[in-house]
Amino acid sequence: MNKEPVTAGTVSTDILKHSVSIAGHRTSVSLERKFWELFQESARRRGISVNELITEIDASRRGNLSSAIRLYVLEELLEQASPKISSF
């Protein structure tokens, strides 16, 4: 049986574990490579570390941390994609 990663087009859907720190406590999150890359980009744009951004998300999340990070990334992408409405 071939154990190559399943892909959606050219995007790998492999889930990777990433070690992170929340308020000095080490834990891990499991995210697809693309979600992790977009999450890292978001932290860079904000000028904060990945751990700082994870701590912010952790403080306001309900449920699974990995899911909360995915939703954060999705919300950010939706904000970037939506047309800007100017006030008159």
PDB file of N, CA and C in Angstrom:
ATOM      1  N   MET A   1       0.842  -1.188   0.000  1.00  0.00           N
ATOM      2  CA  MET A   1       0.000   0.000   0.000  1.00  0.00           C
ATOM      3  C   MET A   1       0.882   1.244   0.000  1.00  0.00           C
ATOM      4  N   ASN A   2       0.588   2.180  -0.874  1.00  0.00           N
ATOM      5  CA  ASN A   2       1.356   3.414  -1.001  1.00  0.00           C
ATOM      6  C   ASN A   2       0.945   4.404   0.086  1.00  0.00           C
ATOM      7  N   LYS A   3       1.925   4.933   0.830  1.00  0.00           N
ATOM      8  CA  LYS A   3       1.637   5.852   1.943  1.00  0.00           C
ATOM      9  C   LYS A   3       1.966   7.298   1.594  1.00  0.00           C
ATOM     10  N   GLU A   4       1.847   7.680   0.326  1.00  0.00           N
ATOM     11  CA  GLU A   4       2.113   9.062  -0.057  1.00  0.00           C
ATOM     12  C   GLU A   4       1.012   9.965   0.461  1.00  0.00           C
ATOM     13  N   PRO A   5       1.347  11.244   0.753  1.00  0.00           N
ATOM     14  CA  PRO A   5       0.337  12.170   1.281  1.00  0.00           C
ATOM     15  C   PRO A   5      -0.813  12.381   0.300  1.00  0.00           C
ATOM     16  N   VAL A   6      -1.992  12.482   0.830  1.00  0.00           N
ATOM     17  CA  VAL A   6      -3.161  12.827   0.030  1.00  0.00           C
ATOM     18  C   VAL A   6      -3.072  14.313  -0.255  1.00  0.00           C
ATOM     19  N   THR A   7      -3.366  14.710  -1.479  1.00  0.00           N
ATOM     20  CA  THR A   7      -3.301  16.131  -1.802  1.00  0.00           C
ATOM     21  C   THR A   7      -4.599  16.617  -2.408  1.00  0.00           C
ATOM     22  N   ALA A   8      -4.878  17.870  -2.179  1.00  0.00           N
ATOM     23  CA  ALA A   8      -6.004  18.547  -2.816  1.00  0.00           C
ATOM     24  C   ALA A   8      -5.374  19.436  -3.874  1.00  0.00           C
ATOM     25  N   GLY A   9      -5.330  18.964  -5.097  1.00  0.00           N
ATOM     26  CA  GLY A   9      -4.595  19.692  -6.120  1.00  0.00           C
ATOM     27  C   GLY A   9      -3.120  19.595  -5.806  1.00  0.00           C
ATOM     28  N   THR A  10      -2.461  20.732  -5.659  1.00  0.00           N
ATOM     29  CA  THR A  10      -1.038  20.728  -5.323  1.00  0.00           C
ATOM     30  C   THR A  10      -0.792  21.056  -3.858  1.00  0.00           C
ATOM     31  N   VAL A  11      -1.852  21.192  -3.071  1.00  0.00           N
ATOM     32  CA  VAL A  11      -1.716  21.543  -1.659  1.00  0.00           C
ATOM     33  C   VAL A  11      -1.732  20.267  -0.824  1.00  0.00           C
ATOM     34  N   SER A  12      -0.681  20.051  -0.057  1.00  0.00           N
ATOM     35  CA  SER A  12      -0.598  18.869   0.790  1.00  0.00           C
ATOM     36  C   SER A  12      -1.563  18.988   1.959  1.00  0.00           C
ATOM     37  N   THR A  13      -2.239  17.901   2.257  1.00  0.00           N
ATOM     38  CA  THR A  13      -3.157  17.891   3.398  1.00  0.00           C
ATOM     39  C   THR A  13      -2.549  17.169   4.592  1.00  0.00           C
ATOM     40  N   ASP A  14      -1.240  16.923   4.554  1.00  0.00           N
ATOM     41  CA  ASP A  14      -0.563  16.310   5.699  1.00  0.00           C
ATOM     42  C   ASP A  14      -0.778  17.163   6.934  1.00  0.00           C
ATOM     43  N   ILE A  15      -1.062  16.525   8.047  1.00  0.00           N
ATOM     44  CA  ILE A  15      -1.194  17.243   9.314  1.00  0.00           C
ATOM     45  C   ILE A  15       0.103  17.043  10.086  1.00  0.00           C
ATOM     46  N   LEU A  16       0.703  18.156  10.489  1.00  0.00           N
ATOM     47  CA  LEU A  16       1.971  18.128  11.205  1.00  0.00           C
ATOM     48  C   LEU A  16       1.782  18.669  12.610  1.00  0.00           C
ATOM     49  N   LYS A  17       2.526  18.101  13.564  1.00  0.00           N
ATOM     50  CA  LYS A  17       2.492  18.600  14.942  1.00  0.00           C
ATOM     51  C   LYS A  17       3.545  19.686  15.097  1.00  0.00           C
ATOM     52  N   HIS A  18       3.153  20.766  15.768  1.00  0.00           N
ATOM     53  CA  HIS A  18       4.059  21.887  16.022  1.00  0.00           C
ATOM     54  C   HIS A  18       4.089  22.146  17.518  1.00  0.00           C
ATOM     55  N   SER A  19       5.287  22.195  18.096  1.00  0.00           N
ATOM     56  CA  SER A  19       5.429  22.504  19.516  1.00  0.00           C
ATOM     57  C   SER A  19       5.311  24.001  19.711  1.00  0.00           C
ATOM     58  N   VAL A  20       4.494  24.400  20.675  1.00  0.00           N
ATOM     59  CA  VAL A  20       4.272  25.815  20.966  1.00  0.00           C
ATOM     60  C   VAL A  20       4.286  26.020  22.477  1.00  0.00           C
ATOM     61  N   SER A  21       4.333  27.274  22.881  1.00  0.00           N
ATOM     62  CA  SER A  21       4.330  27.615  24.299  1.00  0.00           C
ATOM     63  C   SER A  21       3.213  28.613  24.567  1.00  0.00           C
ATOM     64  N   ILE A  22       2.386  28.309  25.561  1.00  0.00           N
ATOM     65  CA  ILE A  22       1.304  29.202  25.968  1.00  0.00           C
ATOM     66  C   ILE A  22       1.529  29.529  27.439  1.00  0.00           C
ATOM     67  N   ALA A  23       1.875  30.783  27.708  1.00  0.00           N
ATOM     68  CA  ALA A  23       2.144  31.230  29.078  1.00  0.00           C
ATOM     69  C   ALA A  23       3.158  30.309  29.764  1.00  0.00           C
ATOM     70  N   GLY A  24       4.230  29.972  29.049  1.00  0.00           N
ATOM     71  CA  GLY A  24       5.283  29.138  29.604  1.00  0.00           C
ATOM     72  C   GLY A  24       4.991  27.651  29.610  1.00  0.00           C
ATOM     73  N   HIS A  25       3.820  27.252  29.190  1.00  0.00           N
ATOM     74  CA  HIS A  25       3.429  25.837  29.163  1.00  0.00           C
ATOM     75  C   HIS A  25       3.595  25.297  27.751  1.00  0.00           C
ATOM     76  N   ARG A  26       4.400  24.240  27.596  1.00  0.00           N
ATOM     77  CA  ARG A  26       4.621  23.634  26.285  1.00  0.00           C
ATOM     78  C   ARG A  26       3.455  22.724  25.928  1.00  0.00           C
ATOM     79  N   THR A  27       3.016  22.843  24.690  1.00  0.00           N
ATOM     80  CA  THR A  27       1.960  21.972  24.170  1.00  0.00           C
ATOM     81  C   THR A  27       2.202  21.825  22.675  1.00  0.00           C
ATOM     82  N   SER A  28       1.350  21.090  22.004  1.00  0.00           N
ATOM     83  CA  SER A  28       1.501  20.977  20.555  1.00  0.00           C
ATOM     84  C   SER A  28       0.155  21.177  19.885  1.00  0.00           C
ATOM     85  N   VAL A  29       0.218  21.664  18.659  1.00  0.00           N
ATOM     86  CA  VAL A  29      -0.981  21.813  17.835  1.00  0.00           C
ATOM     87  C   VAL A  29      -0.744  21.026  16.555  1.00  0.00           C
ATOM     88  N   SER A  30      -1.805  20.457  16.030  1.00  0.00           N
ATOM     89  CA  SER A  30      -1.730  19.692  14.786  1.00  0.00           C
ATOM     90  C   SER A  30      -2.440  20.476  13.696  1.00  0.00           C
ATOM     91  N   LEU A  31      -1.669  20.889  12.696  1.00  0.00           N
ATOM     92  CA  LEU A  31      -2.217  21.699  11.605  1.00  0.00           C
ATOM     93  C   LEU A  31      -1.661  21.230  10.267  1.00  0.00           C
ATOM     94  N   GLU A  32      -2.450  21.425   9.235  1.00  0.00           N
ATOM     95  CA  GLU A  32      -1.977  21.195   7.886  1.00  0.00           C
ATOM     96  C   GLU A  32      -0.887  22.222   7.590  1.00  0.00           C
ATOM     97  N   ARG A  33       0.044  21.823   6.733  1.00  0.00           N
ATOM     98  CA  ARG A  33       1.200  22.679   6.428  1.00  0.00           C
ATOM     99  C   ARG A  33       0.773  24.085   5.987  1.00  0.00           C
ATOM    100  N   LYS A  34      -0.212  24.187   5.115  1.00  0.00           N
ATOM    101  CA  LYS A  34      -0.621  25.494   4.591  1.00  0.00           C
ATOM    102  C   LYS A  34      -1.208  26.377   5.690  1.00  0.00           C
ATOM    103  N   PHE A  35      -2.024  25.789   6.581  1.00  0.00           N
ATOM    104  CA  PHE A  35      -2.557  26.578   7.691  1.00  0.00           C
ATOM    105  C   PHE A  35      -1.410  27.105   8.562  1.00  0.00           C
ATOM    106  N   TRP A  36      -0.409  26.264   8.841  1.00  0.00           N
ATOM    107  CA  TRP A  36       0.721  26.685   9.667  1.00  0.00           C
ATOM    108  C   TRP A  36       1.487  27.823   8.988  1.00  0.00           C
ATOM    109  N   GLU A  37       1.722  27.697   7.685  1.00  0.00           N
ATOM    110  CA  GLU A  37       2.444  28.745   6.960  1.00  0.00           C
ATOM    111  C   GLU A  37       1.680  30.069   6.992  1.00  0.00           C
ATOM    112  N   LEU A  38       0.374  30.018   6.759  1.00  0.00           N
ATOM    113  CA  LEU A  38      -0.445  31.235   6.795  1.00  0.00           C
ATOM    114  C   LEU A  38      -0.494  31.825   8.198  1.00  0.00           C
ATOM    115  N   PHE A  39      -0.510  30.964   9.204  1.00  0.00           N
ATOM    116  CA  PHE A  39      -0.515  31.420  10.593  1.00  0.00           C
ATOM    117  C   PHE A  39       0.799  32.137  10.920  1.00  0.00           C
ATOM    118  N   GLN A  40       1.918  31.565  10.489  1.00  0.00           N
ATOM    119  CA  GLN A  40       3.213  32.206  10.702  1.00  0.00           C
ATOM    120  C   GLN A  40       3.270  33.568  10.004  1.00  0.00           C
ATOM    121  N   GLU A  41       2.751  33.628   8.786  1.00  0.00           N
ATOM    122  CA  GLU A  41       2.696  34.900   8.052  1.00  0.00           C
ATOM    123  C   GLU A  41       1.910  35.950   8.821  1.00  0.00           C
ATOM    124  N   SER A  42       0.798  35.541   9.388  1.00  0.00           N
ATOM    125  CA  SER A  42      -0.048  36.459  10.146  1.00  0.00           C
ATOM    126  C   SER A  42       0.713  37.032  11.337  1.00  0.00           C
ATOM    127  N   ALA A  43       1.415  36.180  12.059  1.00  0.00           N
ATOM    128  CA  ALA A  43       2.203  36.647  13.204  1.00  0.00           C
ATOM    129  C   ALA A  43       3.275  37.635  12.742  1.00  0.00           C
ATOM    130  N   ARG A  44       3.951  37.319  11.636  1.00  0.00           N
ATOM    131  CA  ARG A  44       4.985  38.229  11.103  1.00  0.00           C
ATOM    132  C   ARG A  44       4.391  39.581  10.733  1.00  0.00           C
ATOM    133  N   ARG A  45       3.240  39.567  10.053  1.00  0.00           N
ATOM    134  CA  ARG A  45       2.598  40.836   9.664  1.00  0.00           C
ATOM    135  C   ARG A  45       2.251  41.678  10.882  1.00  0.00           C
ATOM    136  N   ARG A  46       1.860  41.024  11.965  1.00  0.00           N
ATOM    137  CA  ARG A  46       1.501  41.750  13.182  1.00  0.00           C
ATOM    138  C   ARG A  46       2.717  42.124  14.020  1.00  0.00           C
ATOM    139  N   GLY A  47       3.874  41.611  13.662  1.00  0.00           N
ATOM    140  CA  GLY A  47       5.099  41.929  14.388  1.00  0.00           C
ATOM    141  C   GLY A  47       5.200  41.240  15.739  1.00  0.00           C
ATOM    142  N   ILE A  48       4.575  40.058  15.846  1.00  0.00           N
ATOM    143  CA  ILE A  48       4.636  39.293  17.094  1.00  0.00           C
ATOM    144  C   ILE A  48       5.068  37.866  16.785  1.00  0.00           C
ATOM    145  N   SER A  49       5.446  37.146  17.831  1.00  0.00           N
ATOM    146  CA  SER A  49       5.859  35.758  17.635  1.00  0.00           C
ATOM    147  C   SER A  49       4.639  34.854  17.467  1.00  0.00           C
ATOM    148  N   VAL A  50       4.876  33.687  16.915  1.00  0.00           N
ATOM    149  CA  VAL A  50       3.811  32.687  16.783  1.00  0.00           C
ATOM    150  C   VAL A  50       3.239  32.357  18.159  1.00  0.00           C
ATOM    151  N   ASN A  51       4.113  32.204  19.163  1.00  0.00           N
ATOM    152  CA  ASN A  51       3.635  31.883  20.512  1.00  0.00           C
ATOM    153  C   ASN A  51       2.760  32.993  21.091  1.00  0.00           C
ATOM    154  N   GLU A  52       3.101  34.257  20.804  1.00  0.00           N
ATOM    155  CA  GLU A  52       2.260  35.365  21.276  1.00  0.00           C
ATOM    156  C   GLU A  52       0.881  35.323  20.627  1.00  0.00           C
ATOM    157  N   LEU A  53       0.847  35.035  19.331  1.00  0.00           N
ATOM    158  CA  LEU A  53      -0.438  34.960  18.637  1.00  0.00           C
ATOM    159  C   LEU A  53      -1.254  33.770  19.137  1.00  0.00           C
ATOM    160  N   ILE A  54      -0.598  32.657  19.378  1.00  0.00           N
ATOM    161  CA  ILE A  54      -1.299  31.485  19.919  1.00  0.00           C
ATOM    162  C   ILE A  54      -1.853  31.793  21.301  1.00  0.00           C
ATOM    163  N   THR A  55      -1.101  32.523  22.115  1.00  0.00           N
ATOM    164  CA  THR A  55      -1.576  32.895  23.449  1.00  0.00           C
ATOM    165  C   THR A  55      -2.826  33.759  23.354  1.00  0.00           C
ATOM    166  N   GLU A  56      -2.857  34.702  22.396  1.00  0.00           N
ATOM    167  CA  GLU A  56      -4.053  35.535  22.186  1.00  0.00           C
ATOM    168  C   GLU A  56      -5.257  34.673  21.806  1.00  0.00           C
ATOM    169  N   ILE A  57      -5.048  33.763  20.878  1.00  0.00           N
ATOM    170  CA  ILE A  57      -6.142  32.893  20.422  1.00  0.00           C
ATOM    171  C   ILE A  57      -6.603  31.991  21.558  1.00  0.00           C
ATOM    172  N   ASP A  58      -5.655  31.460  22.312  1.00  0.00           N
ATOM    173  CA  ASP A  58      -5.981  30.566  23.422  1.00  0.00           C
ATOM    174  C   ASP A  58      -6.846  31.261  24.466  1.00  0.00           C
ATOM    175  N   ALA A  59      -6.589  32.540  24.708  1.00  0.00           N
ATOM    176  CA  ALA A  59      -7.326  33.280  25.737  1.00  0.00           C
ATOM    177  C   ALA A  59      -8.803  33.444  25.402  1.00  0.00           C
ATOM    178  N   SER A  60      -9.137  33.425  24.114  1.00  0.00           N
ATOM    179  CA  SER A  60     -10.533  33.671  23.743  1.00  0.00           C
ATOM    180  C   SER A  60     -11.210  32.478  23.074  1.00  0.00           C
ATOM    181  N   ARG A  61     -10.545  31.353  23.037  1.00  0.00           N
ATOM    182  CA  ARG A  61     -11.115  30.214  22.310  1.00  0.00           C
ATOM    183  C   ARG A  61     -12.090  29.420  23.156  1.00  0.00           C
ATOM    184  N   ARG A  62     -12.947  28.714  22.439  1.00  0.00           N
ATOM    185  CA  ARG A  62     -13.787  27.679  23.040  1.00  0.00           C
ATOM    186  C   ARG A  62     -13.481  26.416  22.261  1.00  0.00           C
ATOM    187  N   GLY A  63     -13.106  25.374  22.941  1.00  0.00           N
ATOM    188  CA  GLY A  63     -12.831  24.120  22.236  1.00  0.00           C
ATOM    189  C   GLY A  63     -11.373  23.962  21.863  1.00  0.00           C
ATOM    190  N   ASN A  64     -11.155  23.187  20.834  1.00  0.00           N
ATOM    191  CA  ASN A  64      -9.850  22.730  20.392  1.00  0.00           C
ATOM    192  C   ASN A  64      -8.964  23.871  19.876  1.00  0.00           C
ATOM    193  N   LEU A  65      -7.711  23.926  20.342  1.00  0.00           N
ATOM    194  CA  LEU A  65      -6.789  24.990  19.941  1.00  0.00           C
ATOM    195  C   LEU A  65      -6.453  24.925  18.453  1.00  0.00           C
ATOM    196  N   SER A  66      -6.211  23.736  17.934  1.00  0.00           N
ATOM    197  CA  SER A  66      -5.898  23.612  16.505  1.00  0.00           C
ATOM    198  C   SER A  66      -7.045  24.135  15.649  1.00  0.00           C
ATOM    199  N   SER A  67      -8.264  23.809  16.029  1.00  0.00           N
ATOM    200  CA  SER A  67      -9.438  24.305  15.294  1.00  0.00           C
ATOM    201  C   SER A  67      -9.546  25.817  15.406  1.00  0.00           C
ATOM    202  N   ALA A  68      -9.261  26.358  16.584  1.00  0.00           N
ATOM    203  CA  ALA A  68      -9.323  27.810  16.781  1.00  0.00           C
ATOM    204  C   ALA A  68      -8.303  28.520  15.886  1.00  0.00           C
ATOM    205  N   ILE A  69      -7.128  27.933  15.719  1.00  0.00           N
ATOM    206  CA  ILE A  69      -6.110  28.525  14.850  1.00  0.00           C
ATOM    207  C   ILE A  69      -6.577  28.485  13.396  1.00  0.00           C
ATOM    208  N   ARG A  70      -7.145  27.366  12.973  1.00  0.00           N
ATOM    209  CA  ARG A  70      -7.668  27.271  11.601  1.00  0.00           C
ATOM    210  C   ARG A  70      -8.737  28.336  11.357  1.00  0.00           C
ATOM    211  N   LEU A  71      -9.633  28.515  12.314  1.00  0.00           N
ATOM    212  CA  LEU A  71     -10.690  29.520  12.168  1.00  0.00           C
ATOM    213  C   LEU A  71     -10.108  30.928  12.126  1.00  0.00           C
ATOM    214  N   TYR A  72      -9.080  31.190  12.918  1.00  0.00           N
ATOM    215  CA  TYR A  72      -8.403  32.487  12.891  1.00  0.00           C
ATOM    216  C   TYR A  72      -7.849  32.753  11.489  1.00  0.00           C
ATOM    217  N   VAL A  73      -7.150  31.758  10.928  1.00  0.00           N
ATOM    218  CA  VAL A  73      -6.575  31.900   9.589  1.00  0.00           C
ATOM    219  C   VAL A  73      -7.678  32.130   8.562  1.00  0.00           C
ATOM    220  N   LEU A  74      -8.757  31.376   8.660  1.00  0.00           N
ATOM    221  CA  LEU A  74      -9.876  31.530   7.732  1.00  0.00           C
ATOM    222  C   LEU A  74     -10.476  32.933   7.823  1.00  0.00           C
ATOM    223  N   GLU A  75     -10.699  33.407   9.043  1.00  0.00           N
ATOM    224  CA  GLU A  75     -11.250  34.756   9.224  1.00  0.00           C
ATOM    225  C   GLU A  75     -10.338  35.809   8.609  1.00  0.00           C
ATOM    226  N   GLU A  76      -9.038  35.647   8.801  1.00  0.00           N
ATOM    227  CA  GLU A  76      -8.092  36.602   8.232  1.00  0.00           C
ATOM    228  C   GLU A  76      -8.144  36.594   6.706  1.00  0.00           C
ATOM    229  N   LEU A  77      -8.216  35.410   6.120  1.00  0.00           N
ATOM    230  CA  LEU A  77      -8.298  35.305   4.662  1.00  0.00           C
ATOM    231  C   LEU A  77      -9.584  35.927   4.137  1.00  0.00           C
ATOM    232  N   LEU A  78     -10.687  35.700   4.837  1.00  0.00           N
ATOM    233  CA  LEU A  78     -11.964  36.280   4.420  1.00  0.00           C
ATOM    234  C   LEU A  78     -11.927  37.802   4.499  1.00  0.00           C
ATOM    235  N   GLU A  79     -11.299  38.337   5.544  1.00  0.00           N
ATOM    236  CA  GLU A  79     -11.165  39.794   5.670  1.00  0.00           C
ATOM    237  C   GLU A  79     -10.342  40.369   4.521  1.00  0.00           C
ATOM    238  N   GLN A  80      -9.275  39.684   4.152  1.00  0.00           N
ATOM    239  CA  GLN A  80      -8.422  40.155   3.060  1.00  0.00           C
ATOM    240  C   GLN A  80      -9.143  40.080   1.719  1.00  0.00           C
ATOM    241  N   ALA A  81     -10.018  39.094   1.567  1.00  0.00           N
ATOM    242  CA  ALA A  81     -10.706  38.887   0.291  1.00  0.00           C
ATOM    243  C   ALA A  81     -11.924  39.781   0.120  1.00  0.00           C
ATOM    244  N   SER A  82     -12.506  40.222   1.228  1.00  0.00           N
ATOM    245  CA  SER A  82     -13.727  41.022   1.117  1.00  0.00           C
ATOM    246  C   SER A  82     -13.391  42.431   0.651  1.00  0.00           C
ATOM    247  N   PRO A  83     -14.244  42.981  -0.206  1.00  0.00           N
ATOM    248  CA  PRO A  83     -13.987  44.348  -0.680  1.00  0.00           C
ATOM    249  C   PRO A  83     -14.099  45.349   0.468  1.00  0.00           C
ATOM    250  N   LYS A  84     -13.250  46.333   0.422  1.00  0.00           N
ATOM    251  CA  LYS A  84     -13.278  47.381   1.443  1.00  0.00           C
ATOM    252  C   LYS A  84     -14.431  48.333   1.150  1.00  0.00           C
ATOM    253  N   ILE A  85     -15.239  48.581   2.153  1.00  0.00           N
ATOM    254  CA  ILE A  85     -16.374  49.494   2.004  1.00  0.00           C
ATOM    255  C   ILE A  85     -15.975  50.835   2.595  1.00  0.00           C
ATOM    256  N   SER A  86     -16.003  51.854   1.785  1.00  0.00           N
ATOM    257  CA  SER A  86     -15.641  53.182   2.287  1.00  0.00           C
ATOM    258  C   SER A  86     -16.888  53.896   2.776  1.00  0.00           C
ATOM    259  N   SER A  87     -16.711  54.665   3.820  1.00  0.00           N
ATOM    260  CA  SER A  87     -17.847  55.436   4.339  1.00  0.00           C
ATOM    261  C   SER A  87     -17.913  56.770   3.602  1.00  0.00           C
ATOM    262  N   PHE A  88     -19.129  57.237   3.382  1.00  0.00           N
ATOM    263  CA  PHE A  88     -19.337  58.486   2.631  1.00  0.00           C
ATOM    264  C   PHE A  88     -19.540  59.640   3.565  1.00  0.00           C
TER     265      PHE A  88
END
